[in-house]
PDB file of N, CA and C in Angstrom:
ATOM      1  N   MET A   1      -0.608   3.619 -43.338  1.00  0.00           N
ATOM      2  CA  MET A   1       0.317   4.393 -42.528  1.00  0.00           C
ATOM      3  C   MET A   1      -0.396   4.951 -41.289  1.00  0.00           C
ATOM      4  N   LYS A   2      -1.636   5.377 -41.477  1.00  0.00           N
ATOM      5  CA  LYS A   2      -2.398   5.923 -40.367  1.00  0.00           C
ATOM      6  C   LYS A   2      -2.618   4.851 -39.292  1.00  0.00           C
ATOM      7  N   ARG A   3      -2.880   3.601 -39.719  1.00  0.00           N
ATOM      8  CA  ARG A   3      -3.079   2.509 -38.760  1.00  0.00           C
ATOM      9  C   ARG A   3      -1.813   2.245 -37.961  1.00  0.00           C
ATOM     10  N   VAL A   4      -0.669   2.316 -38.618  1.00  0.00           N
ATOM     11  CA  VAL A   4       0.607   2.095 -37.938  1.00  0.00           C
ATOM     12  C   VAL A   4       0.832   3.178 -36.884  1.00  0.00           C
ATOM     13  N   ALA A   5       0.528   4.408 -37.222  1.00  0.00           N
ATOM     14  CA  ALA A   5       0.699   5.512 -36.272  1.00  0.00           C
ATOM     15  C   ALA A   5      -0.236   5.344 -35.074  1.00  0.00           C
ATOM     16  N   ILE A   6      -1.463   4.948 -35.323  1.00  0.00           N
ATOM     17  CA  ILE A   6      -2.420   4.744 -34.229  1.00  0.00           C
ATOM     18  C   ILE A   6      -1.964   3.586 -33.350  1.00  0.00           C
ATOM     19  N   PHE A   7      -1.510   2.499 -33.964  1.00  0.00           N
ATOM     20  CA  PHE A   7      -1.026   1.353 -33.209  1.00  0.00           C
ATOM     21  C   PHE A   7       0.195   1.729 -32.371  1.00  0.00           C
ATOM     22  N   ALA A   8       1.112   2.494 -32.940  1.00  0.00           N
ATOM     23  CA  ALA A   8       2.308   2.932 -32.216  1.00  0.00           C
ATOM     24  C   ALA A   8       1.921   3.806 -31.023  1.00  0.00           C
ATOM     25  N   LEU A   9       0.948   4.692 -31.216  1.00  0.00           N
ATOM     26  CA  LEU A   9       0.477   5.545 -30.126  1.00  0.00           C
ATOM     27  C   LEU A   9      -0.145   4.693 -29.027  1.00  0.00           C
ATOM     28  N   PHE A  10      -0.930   3.698 -29.421  1.00  0.00           N
ATOM     29  CA  PHE A  10      -1.530   2.792 -28.448  1.00  0.00           C
ATOM     30  C   PHE A  10      -0.452   2.078 -27.633  1.00  0.00           C
ATOM     31  N   LEU A  11       0.593   1.584 -28.297  1.00  0.00           N
ATOM     32  CA  LEU A  11       1.674   0.891 -27.586  1.00  0.00           C
ATOM     33  C   LEU A  11       2.391   1.805 -26.601  1.00  0.00           C
ATOM     34  N   ILE A  12       2.599   3.037 -26.994  1.00  0.00           N
ATOM     35  CA  ILE A  12       3.264   3.995 -26.100  1.00  0.00           C
ATOM     36  C   ILE A  12       2.420   4.244 -24.862  1.00  0.00           C
ATOM     37  N   ILE A  13       1.133   4.449 -25.049  1.00  0.00           N
ATOM     38  CA  ILE A  13       0.236   4.699 -23.919  1.00  0.00           C
ATOM     39  C   ILE A  13       0.143   3.463 -23.034  1.00  0.00           C
ATOM     40  N   ALA A  14      -0.015   2.297 -23.642  1.00  0.00           N
ATOM     41  CA  ALA A  14      -0.143   1.059 -22.878  1.00  0.00           C
ATOM     42  C   ALA A  14       1.130   0.741 -22.109  1.00  0.00           C
ATOM     43  N   SER A  15       2.291   0.970 -22.707  1.00  0.00           N
ATOM     44  CA  SER A  15       3.536   0.655 -22.008  1.00  0.00           C
ATOM     45  C   SER A  15       3.743   1.564 -20.813  1.00  0.00           C
ATOM     46  N   GLY A  16       3.288   2.788 -20.896  1.00  0.00           N
ATOM     47  CA  GLY A  16       3.373   3.684 -19.746  1.00  0.00           C
ATOM     48  C   GLY A  16       2.538   3.173 -18.594  1.00  0.00           C
ATOM     49  N   ALA A  17       1.366   2.611 -18.891  1.00  0.00           N
ATOM     50  CA  ALA A  17       0.509   2.059 -17.846  1.00  0.00           C
ATOM     51  C   ALA A  17       1.118   0.799 -17.240  1.00  0.00           C
ATOM     52  N   LEU A  18       1.839   0.027 -18.032  1.00  0.00           N
ATOM     53  CA  LEU A  18       2.442  -1.194 -17.525  1.00  0.00           C
ATOM     54  C   LEU A  18       3.554  -0.919 -16.530  1.00  0.00           C
ATOM     55  N   PHE A  19       4.244   0.183 -16.678  1.00  0.00           N
ATOM     56  CA  PHE A  19       5.364   0.495 -15.810  1.00  0.00           C
ATOM     57  C   PHE A  19       4.981   1.451 -14.679  1.00  0.00           C
ATOM     58  N   ALA A  20       3.704   1.821 -14.606  1.00  0.00           N
ATOM     59  CA  ALA A  20       3.271   2.699 -13.527  1.00  0.00           C
ATOM     60  C   ALA A  20       3.431   1.966 -12.204  1.00  0.00           C
ATOM     61  N   GLU A  21       3.950   2.639 -11.213  1.00  0.00           N
ATOM     62  CA  GLU A  21       4.218   2.023  -9.928  1.00  0.00           C
ATOM     63  C   GLU A  21       3.022   2.203  -9.005  1.00  0.00           C
ATOM     64  N   ALA A  22       2.452   1.093  -8.537  1.00  0.00           N
ATOM     65  CA  ALA A  22       1.316   1.153  -7.626  1.00  0.00           C
ATOM     66  C   ALA A  22       1.778   1.608  -6.244  1.00  0.00           C
ATOM     67  N   THR A  23       1.026   2.503  -5.668  1.00  0.00           N
ATOM     68  CA  THR A  23       1.362   3.027  -4.347  1.00  0.00           C
ATOM     69  C   THR A  23       0.250   2.761  -3.344  1.00  0.00           C
ATOM     70  N   PHE A  24      -0.646   1.832  -3.668  1.00  0.00           N
ATOM     71  CA  PHE A  24      -1.757   1.553  -2.753  1.00  0.00           C
ATOM     72  C   PHE A  24      -2.216   0.115  -2.920  1.00  0.00           C
ATOM     73  N   GLN A  25      -2.999  -0.325  -1.940  1.00  0.00           N
ATOM     74  CA  GLN A  25      -3.653  -1.627  -1.998  1.00  0.00           C
ATOM     75  C   GLN A  25      -5.030  -1.448  -1.363  1.00  0.00           C
ATOM     76  N   LEU A  26      -6.076  -1.785  -2.116  1.00  0.00           N
ATOM     77  CA  LEU A  26      -7.447  -1.620  -1.650  1.00  0.00           C
ATOM     78  C   LEU A  26      -7.968  -2.907  -1.038  1.00  0.00           C
ATOM     79  N   ASP A  27      -8.936  -2.756  -0.156  1.00  0.00           N
ATOM     80  CA  ASP A  27      -9.676  -3.891   0.407  1.00  0.00           C
ATOM     81  C   ASP A  27      -8.770  -4.954   1.018  1.00  0.00           C
ATOM     82  N   VAL A  28      -7.962  -4.561   1.974  1.00  0.00           N
ATOM     83  CA  VAL A  28      -7.091  -5.503   2.668  1.00  0.00           C
ATOM     84  C   VAL A  28      -7.528  -5.623   4.123  1.00  0.00           C
ATOM     85  N   THR A  29      -7.117  -6.695   4.747  1.00  0.00           N
ATOM     86  CA  THR A  29      -7.267  -6.810   6.194  1.00  0.00           C
ATOM     87  C   THR A  29      -5.879  -6.973   6.794  1.00  0.00           C
ATOM     88  N   ILE A  30      -5.742  -6.504   8.001  1.00  0.00           N
ATOM     89  CA  ILE A  30      -4.470  -6.627   8.715  1.00  0.00           C
ATOM     90  C   ILE A  30      -4.437  -8.022   9.339  1.00  0.00           C
ATOM     91  N   THR A  31      -3.405  -8.789   9.022  1.00  0.00           N
ATOM     92  CA  THR A  31      -3.312 -10.159   9.531  1.00  0.00           C
ATOM     93  C   THR A  31      -2.383 -10.280  10.732  1.00  0.00           C
ATOM     94  N   HIS A  32      -1.382  -9.423  10.828  1.00  0.00           N
ATOM     95  CA  HIS A  32      -0.423  -9.458  11.941  1.00  0.00           C
ATOM     96  C   HIS A  32      -0.020  -8.033  12.285  1.00  0.00           C
ATOM     97  N   MET A  33       0.347  -7.837  13.551  1.00  0.00           N
ATOM     98  CA  MET A  33       0.869  -6.549  14.009  1.00  0.00           C
ATOM     99  C   MET A  33       2.080  -6.798  14.898  1.00  0.00           C
ATOM    100  N   SER A  34       3.006  -5.850  14.863  1.00  0.00           N
ATOM    101  CA  SER A  34       4.168  -5.878  15.742  1.00  0.00           C
ATOM    102  C   SER A  34       4.605  -4.430  15.950  1.00  0.00           C
ATOM    103  N   SER A  35       5.415  -4.198  16.942  1.00  0.00           N
ATOM    104  CA  SER A  35       5.872  -2.826  17.165  1.00  0.00           C
ATOM    105  C   SER A  35       7.385  -2.789  17.264  1.00  0.00           C
ATOM    106  N   THR A  36       7.930  -1.661  16.854  1.00  0.00           N
ATOM    107  CA  THR A  36       9.363  -1.405  16.922  1.00  0.00           C
ATOM    108  C   THR A  36       9.528   0.040  17.395  1.00  0.00           C
ATOM    109  N   PRO A  37      10.746   0.452  17.723  1.00  0.00           N
ATOM    110  CA  PRO A  37      10.944   1.858  18.077  1.00  0.00           C
ATOM    111  C   PRO A  37      10.548   2.819  16.941  1.00  0.00           C
ATOM    112  N   GLU A  38      10.563   2.318  15.683  1.00  0.00           N
ATOM    113  CA  GLU A  38      10.210   3.168  14.546  1.00  0.00           C
ATOM    114  C   GLU A  38       8.709   3.358  14.402  1.00  0.00           C
ATOM    115  N   GLY A  39       7.905   2.437  14.970  1.00  0.00           N
ATOM    116  CA  GLY A  39       6.460   2.549  14.855  1.00  0.00           C
ATOM    117  C   GLY A  39       5.777   1.199  14.854  1.00  0.00           C
ATOM    118  N   LEU A  40       4.581   1.167  14.273  1.00  0.00           N
ATOM    119  CA  LEU A  40       3.769  -0.038  14.230  1.00  0.00           C
ATOM    120  C   LEU A  40       3.982  -0.755  12.903  1.00  0.00           C
ATOM    121  N   LEU A  41       4.271  -2.054  12.968  1.00  0.00           N
ATOM    122  CA  LEU A  41       4.414  -2.872  11.770  1.00  0.00           C
ATOM    123  C   LEU A  41       3.132  -3.666  11.573  1.00  0.00           C
ATOM    124  N   ILE A  42       2.664  -3.732  10.314  1.00  0.00           N
ATOM    125  CA  ILE A  42       1.502  -4.551  10.005  1.00  0.00           C
ATOM    126  C   ILE A  42       1.815  -5.435   8.803  1.00  0.00           C
ATOM    127  N   MET A  43       1.128  -6.573   8.748  1.00  0.00           N
ATOM    128  CA  MET A  43       1.110  -7.424   7.564  1.00  0.00           C
ATOM    129  C   MET A  43      -0.324  -7.446   7.063  1.00  0.00           C
ATOM    130  N   ILE A  44      -0.482  -7.535   5.749  1.00  0.00           N
ATOM    131  CA  ILE A  44      -1.814  -7.544   5.156  1.00  0.00           C
ATOM    132  C   ILE A  44      -2.046  -8.851   4.406  1.00  0.00           C
ATOM    133  N   ASN A  45      -3.307  -9.107   4.077  1.00  0.00           N
ATOM    134  CA  ASN A  45      -3.678 -10.367   3.437  1.00  0.00           C
ATOM    135  C   ASN A  45      -3.507 -10.362   1.922  1.00  0.00           C
ATOM    136  N   LYS A  46      -2.945  -9.317   1.376  1.00  0.00           N
ATOM    137  CA  LYS A  46      -2.683  -9.230  -0.057  1.00  0.00           C
ATOM    138  C   LYS A  46      -1.229  -8.808  -0.252  1.00  0.00           C
ATOM    139  N   PRO A  47      -0.715  -8.919  -1.474  1.00  0.00           N
ATOM    140  CA  PRO A  47       0.660  -8.461  -1.713  1.00  0.00           C
ATOM    141  C   PRO A  47       0.830  -6.970  -1.388  1.00  0.00           C
ATOM    142  N   VAL A  48       2.038  -6.602  -1.002  1.00  0.00           N
ATOM    143  CA  VAL A  48       2.318  -5.193  -0.718  1.00  0.00           C
ATOM    144  C   VAL A  48       2.282  -4.402  -2.024  1.00  0.00           C
ATOM    145  N   PRO A  49       2.008  -3.098  -1.961  1.00  0.00           N
ATOM    146  CA  PRO A  49       2.050  -2.279  -3.180  1.00  0.00           C
ATOM    147  C   PRO A  49       3.413  -2.371  -3.867  1.00  0.00           C
ATOM    148  N   ASP A  50       3.441  -2.104  -5.154  1.00  0.00           N
ATOM    149  CA  ASP A  50       4.661  -2.238  -5.952  1.00  0.00           C
ATOM    150  C   ASP A  50       5.846  -1.472  -5.385  1.00  0.00           C
ATOM    151  N   ASN A  51       5.597  -0.274  -4.849  1.00  0.00           N
ATOM    152  CA  ASN A  51       6.719   0.518  -4.363  1.00  0.00           C
ATOM    153  C   ASN A  51       7.261   0.018  -3.021  1.00  0.00           C
ATOM    154  N   CYS A  52       6.657  -1.049  -2.489  1.00  0.00           N
ATOM    155  CA  CYS A  52       7.151  -1.645  -1.244  1.00  0.00           C
ATOM    156  C   CYS A  52       7.639  -3.076  -1.438  1.00  0.00           C
ATOM    157  N   ILE A  53       7.712  -3.536  -2.689  1.00  0.00           N
ATOM    158  CA  ILE A  53       8.236  -4.878  -2.932  1.00  0.00           C
ATOM    159  C   ILE A  53       9.679  -4.915  -2.434  1.00  0.00           C
ATOM    160  N   GLY A  54       9.981  -5.918  -1.634  1.00  0.00           N
ATOM    161  CA  GLY A  54      11.308  -6.032  -1.043  1.00  0.00           C
ATOM    162  C   GLY A  54      11.344  -5.592   0.407  1.00  0.00           C
ATOM    163  N   THR A  55      10.208  -5.111   0.941  1.00  0.00           N
ATOM    164  CA  THR A  55      10.161  -4.747   2.343  1.00  0.00           C
ATOM    165  C   THR A  55      10.461  -5.975   3.195  1.00  0.00           C
ATOM    166  N   ALA A  56      11.130  -5.776   4.292  1.00  0.00           N
ATOM    167  CA  ALA A  56      11.567  -6.889   5.136  1.00  0.00           C
ATOM    168  C   ALA A  56      10.392  -7.759   5.575  1.00  0.00           C
ATOM    169  N   TYR A  57      10.400  -9.021   5.139  1.00  0.00           N
ATOM    170  CA  TYR A  57       9.427 -10.031   5.532  1.00  0.00           C
ATOM    171  C   TYR A  57       7.972  -9.666   5.219  1.00  0.00           C
ATOM    172  N   GLY A  58       7.739  -8.678   4.363  1.00  0.00           N
ATOM    173  CA  GLY A  58       6.383  -8.269   4.016  1.00  0.00           C
ATOM    174  C   GLY A  58       5.744  -7.300   4.997  1.00  0.00           C
ATOM    175  N   TRP A  59       6.503  -6.829   5.972  1.00  0.00           N
ATOM    176  CA  TRP A  59       5.974  -5.879   6.958  1.00  0.00           C
ATOM    177  C   TRP A  59       5.869  -4.486   6.347  1.00  0.00           C
ATOM    178  N   LEU A  60       4.844  -3.763   6.742  1.00  0.00           N
ATOM    179  CA  LEU A  60       4.661  -2.359   6.367  1.00  0.00           C
ATOM    180  C   LEU A  60       4.655  -1.534   7.650  1.00  0.00           C
ATOM    181  N   LEU A  61       5.292  -0.389   7.620  1.00  0.00           N
ATOM    182  CA  LEU A  61       5.480   0.439   8.817  1.00  0.00           C
ATOM    183  C   LEU A  61       4.566   1.652   8.813  1.00  0.00           C
ATOM    184  N   ILE A  62       3.892   1.852   9.938  1.00  0.00           N
ATOM    185  CA  ILE A  62       3.226   3.131  10.203  1.00  0.00           C
ATOM    186  C   ILE A  62       4.153   3.851  11.177  1.00  0.00           C
ATOM    187  N   PRO A  63       4.756   4.967  10.760  1.00  0.00           N
ATOM    188  CA  PRO A  63       5.725   5.649  11.617  1.00  0.00           C
ATOM    189  C   PRO A  63       5.149   6.023  12.983  1.00  0.00           C
ATOM    190  N   GLN A  64       5.997   5.967  13.998  1.00  0.00           N
ATOM    191  CA  GLN A  64       5.593   6.197  15.386  1.00  0.00           C
ATOM    192  C   GLN A  64       4.861   7.519  15.593  1.00  0.00           C
ATOM    193  N   ASN A  65       5.252   8.559  14.894  1.00  0.00           N
ATOM    194  CA  ASN A  65       4.632   9.872  15.115  1.00  0.00           C
ATOM    195  C   ASN A  65       3.244   9.995  14.488  1.00  0.00           C
ATOM    196  N   ASP A  66       2.817   8.994  13.704  1.00  0.00           N
ATOM    197  CA  ASP A  66       1.481   9.024  13.099  1.00  0.00           C
ATOM    198  C   ASP A  66       0.489   8.294  14.002  1.00  0.00           C
ATOM    199  N   THR A  67       0.242   8.874  15.179  1.00  0.00           N
ATOM    200  CA  THR A  67      -0.567   8.206  16.199  1.00  0.00           C
ATOM    201  C   THR A  67      -2.018   7.993  15.768  1.00  0.00           C
ATOM    202  N   ALA A  68      -2.583   8.888  15.012  1.00  0.00           N
ATOM    203  CA  ALA A  68      -3.969   8.708  14.558  1.00  0.00           C
ATOM    204  C   ALA A  68      -4.061   7.485  13.636  1.00  0.00           C
ATOM    205  N   MET A  69      -3.079   7.337  12.755  1.00  0.00           N
ATOM    206  CA  MET A  69      -3.079   6.197  11.840  1.00  0.00           C
ATOM    207  C   MET A  69      -2.852   4.890  12.613  1.00  0.00           C
ATOM    208  N   ILE A  70      -2.017   4.911  13.619  1.00  0.00           N
ATOM    209  CA  ILE A  70      -1.790   3.724  14.441  1.00  0.00           C
ATOM    210  C   ILE A  70      -3.082   3.339  15.156  1.00  0.00           C
ATOM    211  N   SER A  71      -3.797   4.313  15.690  1.00  0.00           N
ATOM    212  CA  SER A  71      -5.074   4.035  16.348  1.00  0.00           C
ATOM    213  C   SER A  71      -6.078   3.436  15.371  1.00  0.00           C
ATOM    214  N   ALA A  72      -6.133   3.973  14.155  1.00  0.00           N
ATOM    215  CA  ALA A  72      -7.045   3.454  13.139  1.00  0.00           C
ATOM    216  C   ALA A  72      -6.679   2.014  12.773  1.00  0.00           C
ATOM    217  N   ALA A  73      -5.388   1.708  12.715  1.00  0.00           N
ATOM    218  CA  ALA A  73      -4.949   0.349  12.401  1.00  0.00           C
ATOM    219  C   ALA A  73      -5.375  -0.625  13.503  1.00  0.00           C
ATOM    220  N   PHE A  74      -5.222  -0.233  14.765  1.00  0.00           N
ATOM    221  CA  PHE A  74      -5.671  -1.089  15.868  1.00  0.00           C
ATOM    222  C   PHE A  74      -7.177  -1.318  15.794  1.00  0.00           C
ATOM    223  N   PHE A  75      -7.930  -0.271  15.507  1.00  0.00           N
ATOM    224  CA  PHE A  75      -9.383  -0.369  15.365  1.00  0.00           C
ATOM    225  C   PHE A  75      -9.741  -1.373  14.270  1.00  0.00           C
ATOM    226  N   ALA A  76      -9.106  -1.239  13.104  1.00  0.00           N
ATOM    227  CA  ALA A  76      -9.400  -2.119  11.974  1.00  0.00           C
ATOM    228  C   ALA A  76      -9.001  -3.564  12.284  1.00  0.00           C
ATOM    229  N   PHE A  77      -7.859  -3.754  12.935  1.00  0.00           N
ATOM    230  CA  PHE A  77      -7.389  -5.097  13.262  1.00  0.00           C
ATOM    231  C   PHE A  77      -8.334  -5.773  14.253  1.00  0.00           C
ATOM    232  N   GLU A  78      -8.718  -5.041  15.273  1.00  0.00           N
ATOM    233  CA  GLU A  78      -9.587  -5.592  16.308  1.00  0.00           C
ATOM    234  C   GLU A  78     -10.951  -5.999  15.753  1.00  0.00           C
ATOM    235  N   ARG A  79     -11.461  -5.221  14.817  1.00  0.00           N
ATOM    236  CA  ARG A  79     -12.790  -5.488  14.260  1.00  0.00           C
ATOM    237  C   ARG A  79     -12.761  -6.231  12.920  1.00  0.00           C
ATOM    238  N   GLU A  80     -11.557  -6.609  12.493  1.00  0.00           N
ATOM    239  CA  GLU A  80     -11.368  -7.320  11.221  1.00  0.00           C
ATOM    240  C   GLU A  80     -12.010  -6.581  10.051  1.00  0.00           C
ATOM    241  N   LYS A  81     -11.873  -5.258  10.057  1.00  0.00           N
ATOM    242  CA  LYS A  81     -12.416  -4.418   8.992  1.00  0.00           C
ATOM    243  C   LYS A  81     -11.466  -4.387   7.796  1.00  0.00           C
ATOM    244  N   THR A  82     -12.039  -4.273   6.609  1.00  0.00           N
ATOM    245  CA  THR A  82     -11.192  -4.066   5.441  1.00  0.00           C
ATOM    246  C   THR A  82     -10.800  -2.597   5.388  1.00  0.00           C
ATOM    247  N   ILE A  83      -9.592  -2.367   4.916  1.00  0.00           N
ATOM    248  CA  ILE A  83      -9.052  -1.013   4.812  1.00  0.00           C
ATOM    249  C   ILE A  83      -8.362  -0.873   3.466  1.00  0.00           C
ATOM    250  N   SER A  84      -7.963   0.331   3.166  1.00  0.00           N
ATOM    251  CA  SER A  84      -7.096   0.596   2.024  1.00  0.00           C
ATOM    252  C   SER A  84      -5.870   1.318   2.562  1.00  0.00           C
ATOM    253  N   ILE A  85      -4.708   0.968   2.005  1.00  0.00           N
ATOM    254  CA  ILE A  85      -3.471   1.603   2.451  1.00  0.00           C
ATOM    255  C   ILE A  85      -2.794   2.278   1.262  1.00  0.00           C
ATOM    256  N   TYR A  86      -2.114   3.353   1.555  1.00  0.00           N
ATOM    257  CA  TYR A  86      -1.357   4.113   0.560  1.00  0.00           C
ATOM    258  C   TYR A  86       0.064   4.229   1.095  1.00  0.00           C
ATOM    259  N   THR A  87       1.039   3.979   0.238  1.00  0.00           N
ATOM    260  CA  THR A  87       2.422   3.884   0.700  1.00  0.00           C
ATOM    261  C   THR A  87       3.340   4.853  -0.032  1.00  0.00           C
ATOM    262  N   SER A  88       4.445   5.176   0.631  1.00  0.00           N
ATOM    263  CA  SER A  88       5.433   6.080   0.047  1.00  0.00           C
ATOM    264  C   SER A  88       6.725   5.356  -0.328  1.00  0.00           C
ATOM    265  N   GLY A  89       6.716   4.035  -0.306  1.00  0.00           N
ATOM    266  CA  GLY A  89       7.898   3.264  -0.677  1.00  0.00           C
ATOM    267  C   GLY A  89       8.660   2.792   0.546  1.00  0.00           C
ATOM    268  N   ILE A  90       9.796   2.182   0.297  1.00  0.00           N
ATOM    269  CA  ILE A  90      10.629   1.667   1.384  1.00  0.00           C
ATOM    270  C   ILE A  90      11.450   2.811   1.963  1.00  0.00           C
ATOM    271  N   GLY A  91      11.337   2.970   3.270  1.00  0.00           N
ATOM    272  CA  GLY A  91      12.031   4.058   3.950  1.00  0.00           C
ATOM    273  C   GLY A  91      13.372   3.639   4.515  1.00  0.00           C
ATOM    274  N   ARG A  92      13.979   4.503   5.295  1.00  0.00           N
ATOM    275  CA  ARG A  92      15.287   4.224   5.900  1.00  0.00           C
ATOM    276  C   ARG A  92      15.254   3.021   6.825  1.00  0.00           C
ATOM    277  N   SER A  93      14.062   2.722   7.356  1.00  0.00           N
ATOM    278  CA  SER A  93      13.918   1.591   8.271  1.00  0.00           C
ATOM    279  C   SER A  93      14.048   0.245   7.553  1.00  0.00           C
ATOM    280  N   GLY A  94      13.919   0.244   6.229  1.00  0.00           N
ATOM    281  CA  GLY A  94      13.937  -0.998   5.461  1.00  0.00           C
ATOM    282  C   GLY A  94      12.553  -1.573   5.223  1.00  0.00           C
ATOM    283  N   PHE A  95      11.539  -0.915   5.771  1.00  0.00           N
ATOM    284  CA  PHE A  95      10.160  -1.360   5.602  1.00  0.00           C
ATOM    285  C   PHE A  95       9.414  -0.423   4.661  1.00  0.00           C
ATOM    286  N   GLY A  96       8.414  -0.968   3.975  1.00  0.00           N
ATOM    287  CA  GLY A  96       7.511  -0.126   3.204  1.00  0.00           C
ATOM    288  C   GLY A  96       6.744   0.754   4.178  1.00  0.00           C
ATOM    289  N   GLU A  97       6.641   2.046   3.871  1.00  0.00           N
ATOM    290  CA  GLU A  97       6.016   2.967   4.813  1.00  0.00           C
ATOM    291  C   GLU A  97       4.631   3.387   4.344  1.00  0.00           C
ATOM    292  N   ILE A  98       3.679   3.297   5.256  1.00  0.00           N
ATOM    293  CA  ILE A  98       2.294   3.687   4.991  1.00  0.00           C
ATOM    294  C   ILE A  98       2.159   5.167   5.300  1.00  0.00           C
ATOM    295  N   ASN A  99       1.568   5.915   4.357  1.00  0.00           N
ATOM    296  CA  ASN A  99       1.343   7.341   4.609  1.00  0.00           C
ATOM    297  C   ASN A  99      -0.135   7.695   4.703  1.00  0.00           C
ATOM    298  N   GLN A 100      -1.023   6.722   4.427  1.00  0.00           N
ATOM    299  CA  GLN A 100      -2.459   6.938   4.589  1.00  0.00           C
ATOM    300  C   GLN A 100      -3.127   5.593   4.780  1.00  0.00           C
ATOM    301  N   LEU A 101      -4.100   5.568   5.681  1.00  0.00           N
ATOM    302  CA  LEU A 101      -4.882   4.374   5.943  1.00  0.00           C
ATOM    303  C   LEU A 101      -6.345   4.785   5.869  1.00  0.00           C
ATOM    304  N   ASP A 102      -7.107   4.154   4.992  1.00  0.00           N
ATOM    305  CA  ASP A 102      -8.496   4.532   4.735  1.00  0.00           C
ATOM    306  C   ASP A 102      -9.433   3.467   5.267  1.00  0.00           C
ATOM    307  N   LEU A 103     -10.277   3.861   6.221  1.00  0.00           N
ATOM    308  CA  LEU A 103     -11.252   2.943   6.797  1.00  0.00           C
ATOM    309  C   LEU A 103     -12.620   3.057   6.155  1.00  0.00           C
ATOM    310  N   GLY A 104     -12.847   4.051   5.338  1.00  0.00           N
ATOM    311  CA  GLY A 104     -14.177   4.284   4.798  1.00  0.00           C
ATOM    312  C   GLY A 104     -14.217   4.137   3.295  1.00  0.00           C
ATOM    313  N   GLY A 105     -15.313   4.523   2.736  1.00  0.00           N
ATOM    314  CA  GLY A 105     -15.468   4.482   1.284  1.00  0.00           C
ATOM    315  C   GLY A 105     -16.217   3.246   0.831  1.00  0.00           C
ATOM    316  N   PRO A 106     -16.629   3.239  -0.426  1.00  0.00           N
ATOM    317  CA  PRO A 106     -17.441   2.132  -0.913  1.00  0.00           C
ATOM    318  C   PRO A 106     -16.691   0.820  -1.033  1.00  0.00           C
ATOM    319  N   HIS A 107     -15.383   0.856  -1.095  1.00  0.00           N
ATOM    320  CA  HIS A 107     -14.610  -0.374  -1.238  1.00  0.00           C
ATOM    321  C   HIS A 107     -14.244  -0.999   0.089  1.00  0.00           C
ATOM    322  N   ASN A 108     -14.498  -0.332   1.192  1.00  0.00           N
ATOM    323  CA  ASN A 108     -14.168  -0.855   2.521  1.00  0.00           C
ATOM    324  C   ASN A 108     -15.441  -1.285   3.245  1.00  0.00           C
ATOM    325  N   LYS A 109     -15.325  -2.355   4.032  1.00  0.00           N
ATOM    326  CA  LYS A 109     -16.482  -2.870   4.782  1.00  0.00           C
ATOM    327  C   LYS A 109     -16.202  -2.792   6.263  1.00  0.00           C
TER     328      LYS A 109
END
């Protein structure tokens, strides 16, 4: 009976991890850029985070008012640097929205 309880607890914990929604993608490079009135659109060399699946054509949006993040994206694109992105899901624009762009850390080159 104790083994069954432990196994059941393991399944509950594991199933929670399986349904956790990813909100980031590490070690990506920007492959394409475009601009719209809403901001800067980027495409990356890996799949979009889970909360952005279904974003129009795979584009991710950096909102226009996030000028520091847009500058960092141009820097990374120009130098072909790897970055990490963190997203807040698909916004009103229909695109997955980036809320943080990380150029540093041990996972970025």
